[in-house]
Amino acid sequence: MHIEEVTEEVSLHFLASHRFGRLGCARDSQPYITPINFAYHDRFIYSFSTVGRKVEWLRTNPLACVEVDEIESA
């Protein structure tokens, strides 16, 4: 395995050029990770969701993370 540090510019370009990832959040010391489609624009990540666990948990604890999946083919 090769691990390489990338610049902020490369990271932001990567975010802008991908659309699928995973949202990680937590409530009451319990993690929750779920797949999401997203868009990145002007230093913000946008995603759509109906009311459910993601929204409820993020309203309780707005700290979250996003992991981006690089999909090469269907």
Protein backbone atom coordinates (compact mmCIF):
# COMPACT_ATOMS: atom_id res chain seq x y z
CA MET A 1 0.00 0.00 0.00
CA HIS A 2 1.24 3.44 -0.90
CA ILE A 3 0.03 6.40 1.18
CA GLU A 4 0.69 9.86 -0.15
CA GLU A 5 -0.14 13.30 1.26
CA VAL A 6 -1.93 15.55 -1.24
CA THR A 7 -2.33 19.30 -1.35
CA GLU A 8 -5.55 21.09 -0.52
CA GLU A 9 -5.92 22.02 -4.19
CA VAL A 10 -5.73 18.37 -5.28
CA SER A 11 -8.19 17.36 -2.54
CA LEU A 12 -10.72 20.00 -3.59
CA HIS A 13 -10.39 19.04 -7.26
CA PHE A 14 -11.01 15.41 -6.28
CA LEU A 15 -14.17 16.42 -4.38
CA ALA A 16 -15.41 18.50 -7.31
CA SER A 17 -14.91 15.66 -9.80
CA HIS A 18 -16.72 12.92 -7.86
CA ARG A 19 -20.35 12.42 -6.89
CA PHE A 20 -20.60 9.40 -4.58
CA GLY A 21 -19.32 8.82 -1.08
CA ARG A 22 -20.24 8.04 2.50
CA LEU A 23 -21.47 10.35 5.22
CA GLY A 24 -20.27 9.61 8.74
CA CYS A 25 -21.98 11.07 11.78
CA ALA A 26 -22.54 10.14 15.42
CA ARG A 27 -25.11 10.45 18.20
CA ASP A 28 -25.01 9.16 21.77
CA SER A 29 -21.54 7.65 21.15
CA GLN A 30 -22.88 5.58 18.23
CA PRO A 31 -21.50 5.98 14.69
CA TYR A 32 -23.68 6.02 11.58
CA ILE A 33 -22.22 5.75 8.08
CA THR A 34 -24.39 5.81 4.98
CA PRO A 35 -23.86 6.15 1.22
CA ILE A 36 -24.68 9.55 -0.32
CA ASN A 37 -24.65 11.30 -3.66
CA PHE A 38 -23.21 14.78 -3.35
CA ALA A 39 -22.02 17.85 -5.21
CA TYR A 40 -19.13 20.10 -4.23
CA HIS A 41 -19.14 23.84 -4.97
CA ASP A 42 -17.37 26.83 -3.40
CA ARG A 43 -16.00 24.88 -0.42
CA PHE A 44 -19.37 23.31 0.45
CA ILE A 45 -20.65 19.76 -0.01
CA TYR A 46 -24.34 19.51 -0.96
CA SER A 47 -26.53 16.43 -0.68
CA PHE A 48 -30.26 15.74 -0.68
CA SER A 49 -32.07 13.69 1.93
CA THR A 50 -35.58 13.14 3.16
CA VAL A 51 -36.25 13.21 6.90
CA GLY A 52 -34.72 10.15 8.53
CA ARG A 53 -31.77 9.01 10.60
CA LYS A 54 -29.16 11.15 8.77
CA VAL A 55 -31.14 14.35 9.25
CA GLU A 56 -32.11 13.57 12.85
CA TRP A 57 -28.55 12.71 13.85
CA LEU A 58 -27.03 15.73 12.09
CA ARG A 59 -29.52 18.03 13.82
CA THR A 60 -28.40 16.58 17.15
CA ASN A 61 -24.68 16.67 16.31
CA PRO A 62 -23.71 18.67 13.18
CA LEU A 63 -20.11 17.37 13.21
CA ALA A 64 -19.75 14.95 10.31
CA CYS A 65 -17.30 13.64 7.75
CA VAL A 66 -17.49 12.59 4.10
CA GLU A 67 -15.44 9.86 2.46
CA VAL A 68 -15.35 9.91 -1.35
CA ASP A 69 -15.56 6.73 -3.41
CA GLU A 70 -13.73 6.62 -6.72
CA ILE A 71 -15.74 4.32 -8.99
CA GLU A 72 -13.94 3.28 -12.16
CA SER A 73 -16.78 1.36 -13.84
CA ALA A 74 -20.30 0.09 -13.21
